[in-house]
């Protein structure tokens, strides 16, 4: 029934960082309570997180996501979501001067190790292009592997050179991505 909320409890794991500010328990931070609502055949599950690192861990802990189901974690640095295609956001994430959950100093700039897709890259590209062609906010998301601590942060990317901070250690990672042109009908959309 539309508007009805159901809560599902998942256990929480405390964050623990090593001397470099890297999360020792990466991949083990389940979230708290999901608020669920339905709209037609779509299912929306939301909760709050204290940081983008926490949001990533909460969303990664969701083992499998069926179609028409959307998990969203709201943080002070923006809202991160995950669906059947992978990570997504509906508004820009604040990755400049992230609030890092470690007291270790933030390392200097580094080159990122890699940029990889978190789900179905081709379908995700098509989805981003479709949203952009209708004037909605959409940005292509990839996993940035930090050149300092190797944590894989889901980040919005753009063609050419760009910089993003690692969600775990805060290191500023310099990256580069090529242009992606996707055809939506007879129109080409650059993402």
N, C-alpha and C. Protein backbone atom coordinates (compact mmCIF):
# COMPACT_ATOMS: atom_id res chain seq x y z
N UNK A 1 0.83 -1.17 0.00
CA UNK A 1 0.00 0.00 0.00
C UNK A 1 0.88 1.24 0.00
N UNK A 2 0.55 2.22 -0.82
CA UNK A 2 1.35 3.44 -0.96
C UNK A 2 1.41 4.20 0.35
N UNK A 3 2.62 4.69 0.67
CA UNK A 3 2.79 5.50 1.87
C UNK A 3 3.03 4.71 3.14
N UNK A 4 2.80 3.43 3.12
CA UNK A 4 3.01 2.61 4.30
C UNK A 4 4.50 2.36 4.49
N UNK A 5 4.98 2.53 5.70
CA UNK A 5 6.40 2.35 5.98
C UNK A 5 6.62 1.09 6.81
N UNK A 6 7.64 0.35 6.42
CA UNK A 6 8.04 -0.82 7.18
C UNK A 6 9.52 -0.68 7.48
N UNK A 7 9.92 -1.02 8.68
CA UNK A 7 11.32 -0.90 9.06
C UNK A 7 11.95 -2.28 9.14
N UNK A 8 13.15 -2.36 8.54
CA UNK A 8 13.93 -3.60 8.62
C UNK A 8 15.24 -3.26 9.32
N UNK A 9 15.56 -3.98 10.37
CA UNK A 9 16.76 -3.69 11.16
C UNK A 9 17.94 -4.49 10.66
N UNK A 10 19.08 -3.82 10.48
CA UNK A 10 20.34 -4.49 10.15
C UNK A 10 21.34 -4.12 11.24
N UNK A 11 22.22 -5.04 11.65
CA UNK A 11 23.18 -4.73 12.71
C UNK A 11 24.20 -3.69 12.27
N UNK A 12 24.67 -2.88 13.19
CA UNK A 12 25.69 -1.87 12.89
C UNK A 12 27.05 -2.34 13.38
N UNK A 13 28.10 -1.93 12.68
CA UNK A 13 29.47 -2.23 13.05
C UNK A 13 30.18 -0.89 13.24
N UNK A 14 30.94 -0.75 14.33
CA UNK A 14 31.64 0.50 14.60
C UNK A 14 32.76 0.72 13.58
N UNK A 15 32.98 1.98 13.21
CA UNK A 15 34.08 2.31 12.32
C UNK A 15 35.39 2.24 13.09
N UNK A 16 36.42 1.69 12.46
CA UNK A 16 37.75 1.62 13.08
C UNK A 16 38.78 1.95 12.01
N UNK A 17 39.68 2.90 12.31
CA UNK A 17 40.66 3.33 11.33
C UNK A 17 42.07 2.98 11.79
N UNK A 18 42.94 2.70 10.81
CA UNK A 18 44.34 2.44 11.13
C UNK A 18 45.11 3.77 11.14
N UNK A 19 46.43 3.72 11.29
CA UNK A 19 47.25 4.93 11.41
C UNK A 19 47.20 5.80 10.15
N UNK A 20 46.86 5.21 9.00
CA UNK A 20 46.78 5.98 7.75
C UNK A 20 45.38 6.54 7.51
N UNK A 21 44.46 6.32 8.43
CA UNK A 21 43.10 6.79 8.23
C UNK A 21 42.28 5.85 7.37
N UNK A 22 42.78 4.65 7.12
CA UNK A 22 42.07 3.67 6.30
C UNK A 22 41.15 2.83 7.18
N UNK A 23 39.97 2.56 6.70
CA UNK A 23 38.98 1.80 7.45
C UNK A 23 39.43 0.34 7.59
N UNK A 24 39.62 -0.12 8.83
CA UNK A 24 40.06 -1.50 9.08
C UNK A 24 38.97 -2.53 8.78
N UNK A 25 37.71 -2.12 8.93
CA UNK A 25 36.60 -3.06 8.77
C UNK A 25 35.85 -2.82 7.47
N UNK A 26 36.56 -2.40 6.42
CA UNK A 26 35.91 -2.07 5.15
C UNK A 26 34.96 -3.19 4.73
N UNK A 27 33.76 -2.80 4.34
CA UNK A 27 32.77 -3.76 3.87
C UNK A 27 31.93 -4.38 4.96
N UNK A 28 32.11 -3.98 6.23
CA UNK A 28 31.36 -4.61 7.31
C UNK A 28 30.41 -3.66 8.02
N UNK A 29 30.20 -2.48 7.48
CA UNK A 29 29.37 -1.48 8.16
C UNK A 29 27.94 -1.51 7.65
N UNK A 30 27.14 -2.37 8.21
CA UNK A 30 25.73 -2.41 7.84
C UNK A 30 25.04 -1.19 8.42
N UNK A 31 23.94 -0.87 7.87
CA UNK A 31 23.23 0.32 8.31
C UNK A 31 22.31 0.07 9.47
N UNK A 32 21.50 1.04 9.75
CA UNK A 32 20.52 0.96 10.82
C UNK A 32 19.19 0.52 10.28
N UNK A 33 18.21 1.36 10.44
CA UNK A 33 16.84 1.03 10.07
C UNK A 33 16.48 1.61 8.71
N UNK A 34 15.95 0.79 7.82
CA UNK A 34 15.47 1.27 6.52
C UNK A 34 14.02 1.69 6.64
N UNK A 35 13.71 2.89 6.17
CA UNK A 35 12.32 3.31 6.03
C UNK A 35 11.89 2.93 4.62
N UNK A 36 10.79 2.23 4.52
CA UNK A 36 10.35 1.73 3.21
C UNK A 36 9.02 2.35 2.83
N UNK A 37 8.92 2.71 1.55
CA UNK A 37 7.65 3.15 1.00
C UNK A 37 7.53 2.62 -0.42
N UNK A 38 6.32 2.52 -0.89
CA UNK A 38 6.07 2.04 -2.25
C UNK A 38 5.30 3.10 -3.02
N UNK A 39 5.61 3.16 -4.31
CA UNK A 39 4.89 4.03 -5.22
C UNK A 39 4.67 3.22 -6.49
N UNK A 40 3.46 2.76 -6.70
CA UNK A 40 3.19 1.85 -7.80
C UNK A 40 3.96 0.57 -7.59
N UNK A 41 4.74 0.19 -8.60
CA UNK A 41 5.55 -1.03 -8.48
C UNK A 41 6.95 -0.75 -7.92
N UNK A 42 7.28 0.52 -7.70
CA UNK A 42 8.60 0.88 -7.18
C UNK A 42 8.64 0.81 -5.66
N UNK A 43 9.79 0.37 -5.16
CA UNK A 43 10.03 0.26 -3.71
C UNK A 43 11.22 1.16 -3.37
N UNK A 44 11.04 2.06 -2.40
CA UNK A 44 12.08 3.00 -1.98
C UNK A 44 12.45 2.73 -0.53
N UNK A 45 13.74 2.47 -0.28
CA UNK A 45 14.24 2.22 1.07
C UNK A 45 15.25 3.31 1.38
N UNK A 46 15.03 4.05 2.47
CA UNK A 46 15.91 5.17 2.81
C UNK A 46 16.35 5.09 4.27
N UNK A 47 17.50 5.71 4.55
CA UNK A 47 17.97 5.90 5.91
C UNK A 47 19.01 7.00 5.92
N UNK A 48 19.37 7.44 7.10
CA UNK A 48 20.39 8.49 7.24
C UNK A 48 21.73 7.85 7.54
N UNK A 49 22.79 8.52 7.08
CA UNK A 49 24.15 8.10 7.36
C UNK A 49 24.96 9.30 7.81
N UNK A 50 26.02 9.05 8.56
CA UNK A 50 26.79 10.17 9.09
C UNK A 50 27.81 10.72 8.11
N UNK A 51 28.14 9.97 7.03
CA UNK A 51 29.13 10.42 6.04
C UNK A 51 28.94 9.62 4.76
N UNK A 52 29.65 10.05 3.69
CA UNK A 52 29.61 9.28 2.45
C UNK A 52 30.28 7.92 2.62
N UNK A 53 31.30 7.84 3.49
CA UNK A 53 31.91 6.55 3.79
C UNK A 53 30.87 5.61 4.41
N UNK A 54 30.15 6.11 5.37
CA UNK A 54 29.11 5.31 6.02
C UNK A 54 28.03 4.91 5.01
N UNK A 55 27.63 5.85 4.16
CA UNK A 55 26.61 5.55 3.13
C UNK A 55 27.09 4.44 2.20
N UNK A 56 28.35 4.51 1.78
CA UNK A 56 28.90 3.48 0.89
C UNK A 56 28.86 2.11 1.56
N UNK A 57 29.26 2.06 2.83
CA UNK A 57 29.27 0.78 3.55
C UNK A 57 27.85 0.25 3.74
N UNK A 58 26.92 1.13 4.04
CA UNK A 58 25.52 0.70 4.21
C UNK A 58 25.00 0.13 2.91
N UNK A 59 25.22 0.84 1.80
CA UNK A 59 24.70 0.39 0.51
C UNK A 59 25.41 -0.85 0.00
N UNK A 60 26.70 -0.98 0.27
CA UNK A 60 27.44 -2.17 -0.15
C UNK A 60 26.96 -3.40 0.61
N UNK A 61 26.49 -3.22 1.84
CA UNK A 61 26.01 -4.35 2.65
C UNK A 61 24.70 -4.94 2.13
N UNK A 62 23.98 -4.19 1.29
CA UNK A 62 22.75 -4.73 0.70
C UNK A 62 23.18 -5.74 -0.36
N UNK A 63 22.88 -7.02 -0.12
CA UNK A 63 23.46 -8.08 -0.94
C UNK A 63 22.96 -8.09 -2.38
N UNK A 64 21.68 -8.05 -2.60
CA UNK A 64 21.19 -8.03 -3.97
C UNK A 64 19.95 -7.13 -4.02
N UNK A 65 19.84 -6.42 -5.12
CA UNK A 65 18.76 -5.45 -5.26
C UNK A 65 17.92 -5.83 -6.47
N UNK A 66 16.66 -6.14 -6.26
CA UNK A 66 15.80 -6.47 -7.41
C UNK A 66 15.44 -5.22 -8.21
N UNK A 67 14.92 -5.43 -9.39
CA UNK A 67 14.47 -4.32 -10.23
C UNK A 67 13.39 -3.51 -9.53
N UNK A 68 13.32 -2.25 -9.87
CA UNK A 68 12.33 -1.31 -9.33
C UNK A 68 12.45 -1.11 -7.81
N UNK A 69 13.65 -1.37 -7.29
CA UNK A 69 13.93 -1.14 -5.87
C UNK A 69 15.12 -0.20 -5.77
N UNK A 70 14.98 0.82 -4.91
CA UNK A 70 15.99 1.87 -4.79
C UNK A 70 16.36 2.06 -3.33
N UNK A 71 17.65 1.92 -3.02
CA UNK A 71 18.16 2.15 -1.67
C UNK A 71 18.88 3.49 -1.66
N UNK A 72 18.58 4.35 -0.67
CA UNK A 72 19.14 5.69 -0.61
C UNK A 72 19.59 5.98 0.82
N UNK A 73 20.81 6.55 0.95
CA UNK A 73 21.32 6.96 2.26
C UNK A 73 21.62 8.46 2.18
N UNK A 74 20.98 9.22 3.06
CA UNK A 74 21.15 10.67 3.10
C UNK A 74 22.24 11.02 4.10
N UNK A 75 23.21 11.86 3.67
CA UNK A 75 24.32 12.27 4.53
C UNK A 75 24.48 13.79 4.46
N UNK A 76 25.26 14.38 5.37
CA UNK A 76 25.52 15.82 5.28
C UNK A 76 26.25 16.22 3.98
N UNK A 77 26.94 15.27 3.33
CA UNK A 77 27.68 15.57 2.10
C UNK A 77 26.91 15.21 0.83
N UNK A 78 25.66 14.82 0.96
CA UNK A 78 24.85 14.47 -0.20
C UNK A 78 24.18 13.13 -0.02
N UNK A 79 23.35 12.79 -0.97
CA UNK A 79 22.58 11.56 -0.92
C UNK A 79 23.12 10.57 -1.94
N UNK A 80 23.48 9.38 -1.46
CA UNK A 80 24.02 8.33 -2.31
C UNK A 80 22.98 7.22 -2.40
N UNK A 81 22.76 6.71 -3.61
CA UNK A 81 21.79 5.65 -3.80
C UNK A 81 22.40 4.47 -4.52
N UNK A 82 21.67 3.35 -4.48
CA UNK A 82 22.08 2.15 -5.21
C UNK A 82 20.84 1.43 -5.68
N UNK A 83 20.87 0.99 -6.94
CA UNK A 83 19.78 0.20 -7.49
C UNK A 83 20.38 -0.97 -8.26
N UNK A 84 19.59 -1.61 -9.08
CA UNK A 84 20.04 -2.79 -9.81
C UNK A 84 21.22 -2.49 -10.73
N UNK A 85 21.37 -1.22 -11.17
CA UNK A 85 22.46 -0.84 -12.08
C UNK A 85 23.75 -0.48 -11.36
N UNK A 86 23.68 -0.13 -10.07
CA UNK A 86 24.86 0.27 -9.32
C UNK A 86 24.58 1.52 -8.51
N UNK A 87 25.62 2.28 -8.16
CA UNK A 87 25.48 3.50 -7.37
C UNK A 87 24.95 4.63 -8.24
N UNK A 88 24.21 5.55 -7.62
CA UNK A 88 23.71 6.73 -8.33
C UNK A 88 23.48 7.85 -7.34
N UNK A 89 23.31 9.05 -7.87
CA UNK A 89 22.94 10.21 -7.07
C UNK A 89 22.01 11.07 -7.90
N UNK A 90 21.15 11.81 -7.24
CA UNK A 90 20.20 12.67 -7.94
C UNK A 90 20.53 14.14 -7.78
N UNK A 91 21.63 14.44 -7.09
CA UNK A 91 22.13 15.80 -6.90
C UNK A 91 23.63 15.68 -6.66
N UNK A 92 24.39 16.73 -6.92
CA UNK A 92 25.85 16.64 -6.74
C UNK A 92 26.25 16.26 -5.32
N UNK A 93 27.26 15.41 -5.21
CA UNK A 93 27.84 15.07 -3.91
C UNK A 93 28.89 16.12 -3.57
N UNK A 94 29.01 16.43 -2.28
CA UNK A 94 30.01 17.40 -1.83
C UNK A 94 31.29 16.64 -1.49
N UNK A 95 32.19 16.52 -2.47
CA UNK A 95 33.41 15.77 -2.23
C UNK A 95 34.60 16.67 -1.91
N UNK A 96 34.41 17.96 -1.93
CA UNK A 96 35.50 18.86 -1.57
C UNK A 96 35.50 19.05 -0.07
N UNK A 97 36.64 18.77 0.57
CA UNK A 97 36.81 18.89 2.03
C UNK A 97 35.78 18.03 2.79
N UNK A 98 35.70 16.78 2.40
CA UNK A 98 34.80 15.86 3.10
C UNK A 98 35.11 15.82 4.59
N UNK A 99 34.10 15.58 5.40
CA UNK A 99 34.30 15.35 6.84
C UNK A 99 34.70 13.88 7.00
N UNK A 100 35.96 13.65 7.29
CA UNK A 100 36.48 12.29 7.40
C UNK A 100 36.33 11.82 8.85
N UNK A 101 35.95 10.55 9.02
CA UNK A 101 35.68 10.00 10.35
C UNK A 101 36.94 9.52 11.06
N UNK A 102 38.08 10.09 10.74
CA UNK A 102 39.34 9.69 11.35
C UNK A 102 40.06 10.94 11.85
N UNK A 103 40.83 10.79 12.92
CA UNK A 103 41.60 11.92 13.43
C UNK A 103 42.97 12.00 12.75
N UNK A 104 43.31 11.04 11.88
CA UNK A 104 44.58 11.06 11.16
C UNK A 104 44.60 12.24 10.19
N UNK A 105 45.78 12.82 9.95
CA UNK A 105 45.85 13.92 8.99
C UNK A 105 45.50 13.43 7.58
N UNK A 106 44.90 14.30 6.80
CA UNK A 106 44.54 13.94 5.43
C UNK A 106 45.79 13.97 4.56
N UNK A 107 46.09 12.86 3.85
CA UNK A 107 47.29 12.81 3.02
C UNK A 107 47.24 13.79 1.85
N UNK A 108 48.39 14.10 1.29
CA UNK A 108 48.49 15.00 0.15
C UNK A 108 47.91 14.38 -1.11
N UNK A 109 47.89 15.13 -2.20
CA UNK A 109 47.31 14.62 -3.46
C UNK A 109 48.02 13.37 -3.96
N UNK A 110 47.24 12.45 -4.54
CA UNK A 110 47.75 11.20 -5.11
C UNK A 110 47.04 10.94 -6.43
N UNK A 111 47.61 10.07 -7.24
CA UNK A 111 46.95 9.61 -8.46
C UNK A 111 46.05 8.44 -8.07
N UNK A 112 44.82 8.43 -8.57
CA UNK A 112 43.94 7.31 -8.25
C UNK A 112 44.49 6.05 -8.92
N UNK A 113 44.21 4.89 -8.33
CA UNK A 113 44.69 3.62 -8.87
C UNK A 113 43.84 3.19 -10.05
N UNK A 114 42.49 3.34 -9.91
CA UNK A 114 41.60 2.92 -10.99
C UNK A 114 40.24 3.57 -10.86
N UNK A 115 39.51 3.54 -11.95
CA UNK A 115 38.09 3.91 -12.00
C UNK A 115 37.37 2.74 -12.62
N UNK A 116 36.45 2.10 -11.88
CA UNK A 116 35.73 0.94 -12.40
C UNK A 116 34.24 1.09 -12.16
N UNK A 117 33.46 0.36 -12.92
CA UNK A 117 32.01 0.40 -12.77
C UNK A 117 31.59 -0.40 -11.55
N UNK A 118 30.51 0.03 -10.90
CA UNK A 118 30.01 -0.68 -9.72
C UNK A 118 28.89 -1.65 -10.06
N UNK A 119 28.33 -1.54 -11.23
CA UNK A 119 27.22 -2.40 -11.64
C UNK A 119 27.29 -2.60 -13.14
N UNK A 120 26.17 -2.50 -13.81
CA UNK A 120 26.11 -2.64 -15.26
C UNK A 120 26.44 -1.30 -15.90
N UNK A 121 27.68 -1.12 -16.35
CA UNK A 121 28.15 0.17 -16.86
C UNK A 121 27.36 0.64 -18.08
N UNK A 122 27.06 -0.26 -19.00
CA UNK A 122 26.34 0.14 -20.22
C UNK A 122 24.92 0.60 -19.90
N UNK A 123 24.22 -0.14 -19.07
CA UNK A 123 22.86 0.26 -18.70
C UNK A 123 22.88 1.53 -17.87
N UNK A 124 23.89 1.68 -17.02
CA UNK A 124 24.01 2.89 -16.20
C UNK A 124 24.25 4.10 -17.10
N UNK A 125 25.11 3.97 -18.10
CA UNK A 125 25.37 5.05 -19.04
C UNK A 125 24.08 5.45 -19.77
N UNK A 126 23.32 4.46 -20.20
CA UNK A 126 22.07 4.74 -20.91
C UNK A 126 21.07 5.45 -20.00
N UNK A 127 21.02 5.02 -18.73
CA UNK A 127 20.11 5.66 -17.77
C UNK A 127 20.50 7.11 -17.53
N UNK A 128 21.80 7.38 -17.34
CA UNK A 128 22.29 8.75 -17.13
C UNK A 128 21.97 9.61 -18.36
N UNK A 129 22.24 9.07 -19.54
CA UNK A 129 21.97 9.82 -20.78
C UNK A 129 20.49 10.13 -20.93
N UNK A 130 19.64 9.16 -20.63
CA UNK A 130 18.18 9.37 -20.73
C UNK A 130 17.73 10.48 -19.78
N UNK A 131 18.20 10.45 -18.53
CA UNK A 131 17.84 11.48 -17.56
C UNK A 131 18.34 12.86 -18.00
N UNK A 132 19.59 12.92 -18.46
CA UNK A 132 20.16 14.19 -18.91
C UNK A 132 19.40 14.75 -20.11
N UNK A 133 18.96 13.87 -21.02
CA UNK A 133 18.25 14.33 -22.22
C UNK A 133 16.89 14.94 -21.88
N UNK A 134 16.35 14.61 -20.70
CA UNK A 134 15.07 15.19 -20.27
C UNK A 134 15.27 16.36 -19.31
N UNK A 135 16.54 16.79 -19.13
CA UNK A 135 16.83 17.95 -18.29
C UNK A 135 16.95 17.65 -16.81
N UNK A 136 16.96 16.38 -16.42
CA UNK A 136 17.10 16.01 -15.01
C UNK A 136 18.58 15.89 -14.65
N UNK A 137 18.88 16.04 -13.37
CA UNK A 137 20.26 15.87 -12.92
C UNK A 137 20.63 14.39 -13.01
N UNK A 138 21.78 14.12 -13.59
CA UNK A 138 22.32 12.76 -13.64
C UNK A 138 23.81 12.86 -13.89
N UNK A 139 24.56 12.00 -13.25
CA UNK A 139 26.01 11.98 -13.41
C UNK A 139 26.48 10.53 -13.38
N UNK A 140 27.44 10.21 -14.24
CA UNK A 140 27.94 8.84 -14.32
C UNK A 140 28.80 8.54 -13.09
N UNK A 141 28.52 7.44 -12.41
CA UNK A 141 29.20 7.05 -11.18
C UNK A 141 30.16 5.89 -11.45
N UNK A 142 31.37 6.03 -10.93
CA UNK A 142 32.36 4.96 -10.99
C UNK A 142 32.99 4.80 -9.62
N UNK A 143 33.61 3.66 -9.37
CA UNK A 143 34.34 3.44 -8.13
C UNK A 143 35.77 3.91 -8.30
N UNK A 144 36.17 4.91 -7.52
CA UNK A 144 37.52 5.45 -7.54
C UNK A 144 38.34 4.69 -6.50
N UNK A 145 39.39 4.01 -6.94
CA UNK A 145 40.28 3.33 -5.99
C UNK A 145 41.37 4.31 -5.59
N UNK A 146 41.42 4.63 -4.30
CA UNK A 146 42.33 5.64 -3.77
C UNK A 146 43.79 5.22 -3.93
N UNK A 147 44.62 6.16 -4.38
CA UNK A 147 46.05 5.93 -4.53
C UNK A 147 46.79 5.90 -3.20
N UNK A 148 46.10 6.26 -2.11
CA UNK A 148 46.74 6.24 -0.79
C UNK A 148 46.34 5.00 0.01
N UNK A 149 45.03 4.76 0.15
CA UNK A 149 44.58 3.67 1.03
C UNK A 149 43.87 2.53 0.29
N UNK A 150 43.65 2.66 -1.00
CA UNK A 150 43.01 1.64 -1.85
C UNK A 150 41.51 1.48 -1.62
N UNK A 151 40.88 2.35 -0.81
CA UNK A 151 39.43 2.27 -0.62
C UNK A 151 38.75 2.64 -1.94
N UNK A 152 37.65 1.99 -2.24
CA UNK A 152 36.92 2.25 -3.48
C UNK A 152 35.66 3.07 -3.19
N UNK A 153 35.74 4.37 -3.47
CA UNK A 153 34.64 5.31 -3.22
C UNK A 153 33.80 5.49 -4.49
N UNK A 154 32.47 5.38 -4.40
CA UNK A 154 31.65 5.68 -5.58
C UNK A 154 31.60 7.20 -5.78
N UNK A 155 32.10 7.66 -6.94
CA UNK A 155 32.16 9.10 -7.20
C UNK A 155 31.52 9.44 -8.53
N UNK A 156 31.00 10.66 -8.60
CA UNK A 156 30.51 11.18 -9.86
C UNK A 156 31.73 11.52 -10.70
N UNK A 157 31.71 11.16 -11.97
CA UNK A 157 32.86 11.42 -12.83
C UNK A 157 32.45 12.38 -13.94
N UNK A 158 33.46 12.89 -14.61
CA UNK A 158 33.24 13.79 -15.73
C UNK A 158 34.35 13.53 -16.74
N UNK A 159 34.13 13.86 -18.01
CA UNK A 159 35.18 13.65 -19.00
C UNK A 159 36.40 14.52 -18.70
N UNK A 160 37.59 14.00 -19.00
CA UNK A 160 38.82 14.76 -18.80
C UNK A 160 39.38 14.55 -17.40
N UNK A 161 40.23 15.49 -16.99
CA UNK A 161 40.86 15.41 -15.67
C UNK A 161 39.91 15.94 -14.59
N UNK A 162 39.91 15.28 -13.44
CA UNK A 162 39.12 15.75 -12.31
C UNK A 162 39.77 15.28 -11.02
N UNK A 163 39.34 15.86 -9.90
CA UNK A 163 39.86 15.49 -8.58
C UNK A 163 38.71 15.15 -7.67
N UNK A 164 38.87 14.10 -6.86
CA UNK A 164 37.86 13.71 -5.88
C UNK A 164 38.57 13.24 -4.61
N UNK A 165 37.95 13.47 -3.47
CA UNK A 165 38.52 12.98 -2.22
C UNK A 165 38.04 11.57 -1.92
N UNK A 166 38.93 10.77 -1.34
CA UNK A 166 38.60 9.42 -0.89
C UNK A 166 37.67 9.53 0.31
N UNK A 167 36.62 8.73 0.35
CA UNK A 167 35.68 8.77 1.47
C UNK A 167 36.30 8.26 2.77
N UNK A 168 37.32 7.38 2.67
CA UNK A 168 37.89 6.76 3.87
C UNK A 168 39.03 7.57 4.47
N UNK A 169 40.05 7.92 3.67
CA UNK A 169 41.21 8.61 4.23
C UNK A 169 41.24 10.10 3.92
N UNK A 170 40.43 10.55 2.96
CA UNK A 170 40.36 11.96 2.62
C UNK A 170 41.38 12.42 1.61
N UNK A 171 42.25 11.53 1.13
CA UNK A 171 43.28 11.92 0.16
C UNK A 171 42.62 12.45 -1.11
N UNK A 172 43.16 13.53 -1.63
CA UNK A 172 42.69 14.10 -2.89
C UNK A 172 43.28 13.26 -4.01
N UNK A 173 42.41 12.61 -4.78
CA UNK A 173 42.84 11.74 -5.88
C UNK A 173 42.65 12.46 -7.20
N UNK A 174 43.72 12.48 -8.00
CA UNK A 174 43.65 13.05 -9.34
C UNK A 174 43.33 11.92 -10.30
N UNK A 175 42.34 12.14 -11.17
CA UNK A 175 41.86 11.08 -12.06
C UNK A 175 41.65 11.64 -13.46
N UNK A 176 41.44 10.73 -14.40
CA UNK A 176 41.12 11.12 -15.76
C UNK A 176 40.17 10.09 -16.35
N UNK A 177 39.16 10.59 -17.07
CA UNK A 177 38.19 9.71 -17.75
C UNK A 177 37.93 10.26 -19.14
N UNK A 178 37.78 9.37 -20.09
CA UNK A 178 37.48 9.78 -21.46
C UNK A 178 36.03 10.18 -21.63
N UNK A 179 35.73 10.76 -22.80
CA UNK A 179 34.35 11.14 -23.13
C UNK A 179 33.51 9.89 -23.37
N UNK A 180 32.25 9.97 -22.98
CA UNK A 180 31.30 8.90 -23.26
C UNK A 180 30.11 9.53 -23.96
N UNK A 181 29.84 9.09 -25.19
CA UNK A 181 28.67 9.56 -25.94
C UNK A 181 27.68 8.43 -26.03
N UNK A 182 26.44 8.70 -25.63
CA UNK A 182 25.39 7.69 -25.65
C UNK A 182 24.25 8.22 -26.53
N UNK A 183 23.74 7.37 -27.40
CA UNK A 183 22.63 7.78 -28.25
C UNK A 183 21.30 7.48 -27.56
N UNK A 184 20.48 8.51 -27.47
CA UNK A 184 19.13 8.39 -26.94
C UNK A 184 18.22 8.76 -28.10
N UNK A 185 17.65 7.73 -28.73
CA UNK A 185 16.89 7.96 -29.96
C UNK A 185 17.87 8.40 -31.04
N UNK A 186 17.62 9.54 -31.65
CA UNK A 186 18.51 10.05 -32.70
C UNK A 186 19.49 11.09 -32.15
N UNK A 187 19.45 11.35 -30.83
CA UNK A 187 20.28 12.38 -30.22
C UNK A 187 21.45 11.76 -29.47
N UNK A 188 22.65 12.35 -29.60
CA UNK A 188 23.83 11.90 -28.87
C UNK A 188 23.96 12.76 -27.60
N UNK A 189 24.13 12.10 -26.46
CA UNK A 189 24.28 12.80 -25.18
C UNK A 189 25.64 12.45 -24.62
N UNK A 190 26.41 13.48 -24.26
CA UNK A 190 27.72 13.25 -23.65
C UNK A 190 27.56 13.18 -22.14
N UNK A 191 28.11 12.11 -21.56
CA UNK A 191 28.03 11.98 -20.10
C UNK A 191 29.43 11.92 -19.52
